[in-house]
Amino acid sequence: MPVPLPQAVLFCCDHNAVRSPMAEGIMKKFYGIDTYVQSVGVSNDMEIDGFAIAVCQEIGVELSRHRSRSFDEMQEGGEDLSSFDLVVALSPASQRRALDLTRIYHLTVEYWPITDPTGLGESREVKLNAYRQTRDQIIAHLTQLWGPPTRPQ
């Protein structure tokens, strides 16, 4: 049974270049303005991944304008973790960082074990399939938790 959407969700992963921007974009597409959604990484030393852009574009999610940012940059920009109801960590490193940063806040940190597709596959098609699997894992978690998309696909 789906639970109500939180008011604000923060997705996080290692570099904010693959998994967390995918989750942010898909959640915005599925649930629209019903919830505030952002994403960050432990670091932001990479730009958005081209394969992530491609597999999200297949389902109508635009990621090409995404700019990677870190937890530190988010806080330096004036956005406080306490403004989120839920932090969803998509990698072990981001889960550790989120738990460390949220010790003083009353908010939930969940860990979703989403596959990192960046090192998988040799050919373009095999790599795309790995990224599709990651995308589909994110979709499965979203819809299992919050139900089918509330916006027309």
Protein backbone atom coordinates (compact mmCIF):
# COMPACT_ATOMS: atom_id res chain seq x y z
CA MET A 1 0.00 0.00 0.00
CA PRO A 2 1.54 3.35 -1.04
CA VAL A 3 2.41 5.88 1.63
CA PRO A 4 1.69 9.61 1.24
CA LEU A 5 4.29 11.66 -0.61
CA PRO A 6 6.63 13.61 1.66
CA GLN A 7 6.73 17.38 1.25
CA ALA A 8 10.45 17.42 0.40
CA VAL A 9 12.86 14.66 -0.70
CA LEU A 10 16.61 14.77 -1.18
CA PHE A 11 18.26 12.01 -3.23
CA CYS A 12 21.99 11.51 -2.78
CA CYS A 13 24.74 9.36 -4.26
CA ASP A 14 28.50 9.54 -4.71
CA HIS A 15 28.95 12.23 -7.41
CA ASN A 16 25.42 13.50 -8.24
CA ALA A 17 26.08 12.45 -11.82
CA VAL A 18 24.07 9.23 -12.35
CA ARG A 19 21.76 7.73 -9.72
CA SER A 20 20.60 10.76 -7.71
CA PRO A 21 19.87 12.99 -10.73
CA MET A 22 18.00 10.07 -12.32
CA ALA A 23 15.92 9.64 -9.16
CA GLU A 24 15.28 13.39 -8.92
CA GLY A 25 14.20 13.66 -12.55
CA ILE A 26 12.00 10.56 -12.50
CA MET A 27 10.30 11.58 -9.25
CA LYS A 28 9.55 15.04 -10.66
CA LYS A 29 8.13 13.44 -13.82
CA PHE A 30 5.99 10.94 -11.90
CA TYR A 31 4.70 13.10 -9.06
CA GLY A 32 5.03 16.65 -10.38
CA ILE A 33 4.81 19.52 -7.99
CA ASP A 34 3.25 17.42 -5.24
CA THR A 35 6.63 17.29 -3.54
CA TYR A 36 9.87 19.30 -3.59
CA VAL A 37 12.73 17.17 -4.93
CA GLN A 38 16.49 17.82 -5.11
CA SER A 39 19.65 15.75 -5.42
CA VAL A 40 23.26 15.99 -4.26
CA GLY A 41 26.42 13.92 -4.10
CA VAL A 42 29.09 13.31 -1.53
CA SER A 43 31.25 15.22 -4.03
CA ASN A 44 30.51 16.94 -7.31
CA ASP A 45 33.66 16.13 -9.23
CA MET A 46 31.77 14.82 -12.29
CA GLU A 47 29.26 16.23 -14.76
CA ILE A 48 25.95 14.51 -15.49
CA ASP A 49 26.60 11.19 -17.21
CA GLY A 50 25.62 10.93 -20.89
CA PHE A 51 24.24 7.42 -20.51
CA ALA A 52 22.03 8.58 -17.61
CA ILE A 53 20.73 11.39 -19.85
CA ALA A 54 20.03 8.92 -22.68
CA VAL A 55 18.10 6.31 -20.69
CA CYS A 56 16.03 8.93 -18.88
CA GLN A 57 15.23 10.63 -22.17
CA GLU A 58 13.73 7.30 -23.29
CA ILE A 59 11.00 7.79 -20.69
CA GLY A 60 10.59 11.53 -21.17
CA VAL A 61 12.82 12.71 -18.32
CA GLU A 62 15.16 15.56 -19.25
CA LEU A 63 18.52 15.56 -17.43
CA SER A 64 20.82 17.40 -19.83
CA ARG A 65 20.56 20.68 -17.88
CA HIS A 66 21.35 19.05 -14.52
CA ARG A 67 24.36 20.53 -12.74
CA SER A 68 26.05 18.33 -10.16
CA ARG A 69 26.38 19.61 -6.63
CA SER A 70 27.57 18.27 -3.31
CA PHE A 71 26.13 18.28 0.20
CA ASP A 72 28.61 21.07 1.03
CA GLU A 73 27.53 23.22 -1.92
CA MET A 74 23.89 22.72 -1.05
CA GLN A 75 24.49 23.98 2.48
CA GLU A 76 26.76 26.82 1.29
CA GLY A 77 23.90 27.89 -1.01
CA GLY A 78 21.63 28.25 2.01
CA GLU A 79 19.64 25.05 1.64
CA ASP A 80 19.44 23.25 4.96
CA LEU A 81 18.97 19.50 5.35
CA SER A 82 16.31 20.19 7.95
CA SER A 83 14.05 21.46 5.14
CA PHE A 84 13.71 17.88 3.84
CA ASP A 85 11.38 15.26 5.26
CA LEU A 86 13.25 12.39 3.68
CA VAL A 87 16.80 11.80 2.47
CA VAL A 88 17.16 8.81 0.14
CA ALA A 89 20.73 7.53 -0.14
CA LEU A 90 21.48 5.54 -3.28
CA SER A 91 25.03 4.52 -2.36
CA PRO A 92 26.73 3.41 0.85
CA ALA A 93 29.03 6.48 0.90
CA SER A 94 26.09 8.87 0.55
CA GLN A 95 24.19 7.02 3.26
CA ARG A 96 27.12 7.46 5.66
CA ARG A 97 27.38 11.17 4.80
CA ALA A 98 23.63 11.73 5.11
CA LEU A 99 23.48 9.98 8.49
CA ASP A 100 26.44 12.02 9.71
CA LEU A 101 24.90 15.31 8.57
CA THR A 102 21.41 14.54 9.88
CA ARG A 103 22.32 13.46 13.41
CA ILE A 104 20.96 16.71 14.80
CA TYR A 105 17.78 16.77 12.67
CA HIS A 106 14.56 14.86 13.02
CA LEU A 107 14.29 13.45 9.52
CA THR A 108 14.35 10.06 7.90
CA VAL A 109 17.31 8.69 5.95
CA GLU A 110 16.53 5.66 3.81
CA TYR A 111 18.99 3.55 1.86
CA TRP A 112 17.96 2.16 -1.52
CA PRO A 113 20.60 -0.28 -2.86
CA ILE A 114 20.61 0.98 -6.44
CA THR A 115 23.24 -0.48 -8.78
CA ASP A 116 26.01 1.86 -9.93
CA PRO A 117 26.09 1.22 -13.71
CA THR A 118 29.19 3.28 -14.50
CA GLY A 119 31.70 0.44 -14.65
CA LEU A 120 29.45 -2.12 -16.33
CA GLY A 121 29.64 -3.26 -19.93
CA GLU A 122 32.02 -2.85 -22.84
CA SER A 123 29.81 -1.92 -25.77
CA ARG A 124 27.45 1.05 -25.95
CA GLU A 125 24.37 -1.21 -25.95
CA VAL A 126 25.54 -3.23 -22.94
CA LYS A 127 26.29 0.01 -21.05
CA LEU A 128 22.86 1.42 -21.96
CA ASN A 129 21.21 -1.76 -20.69
CA ALA A 130 23.06 -1.41 -17.36
CA TYR A 131 21.84 2.18 -17.03
CA ARG A 132 18.30 1.09 -17.95
CA GLN A 133 18.42 -1.46 -15.14
CA THR A 134 19.47 1.27 -12.71
CA ARG A 135 16.66 3.53 -13.99
CA ASP A 136 14.16 0.70 -13.61
CA GLN A 137 15.34 -0.06 -10.06
CA ILE A 138 14.68 3.59 -9.16
CA ILE A 139 11.23 3.45 -10.77
CA ALA A 140 10.41 0.26 -8.86
CA HIS A 141 11.36 1.86 -5.52
CA LEU A 142 9.39 5.02 -6.27
CA THR A 143 6.22 3.25 -7.32
CA GLN A 144 6.43 0.67 -4.54
CA LEU A 145 6.67 3.43 -1.95
CA TRP A 146 4.41 6.14 -3.42
CA GLY A 147 2.25 4.29 -5.94
CA PRO A 148 1.78 4.82 -9.65
CA PRO A 149 2.68 8.19 -11.19
CA THR A 150 0.17 10.93 -10.46
CA ARG A 151 1.09 12.81 -13.64
CA PRO A 152 0.19 11.53 -17.10
CA GLN A 153 3.10 9.77 -18.74
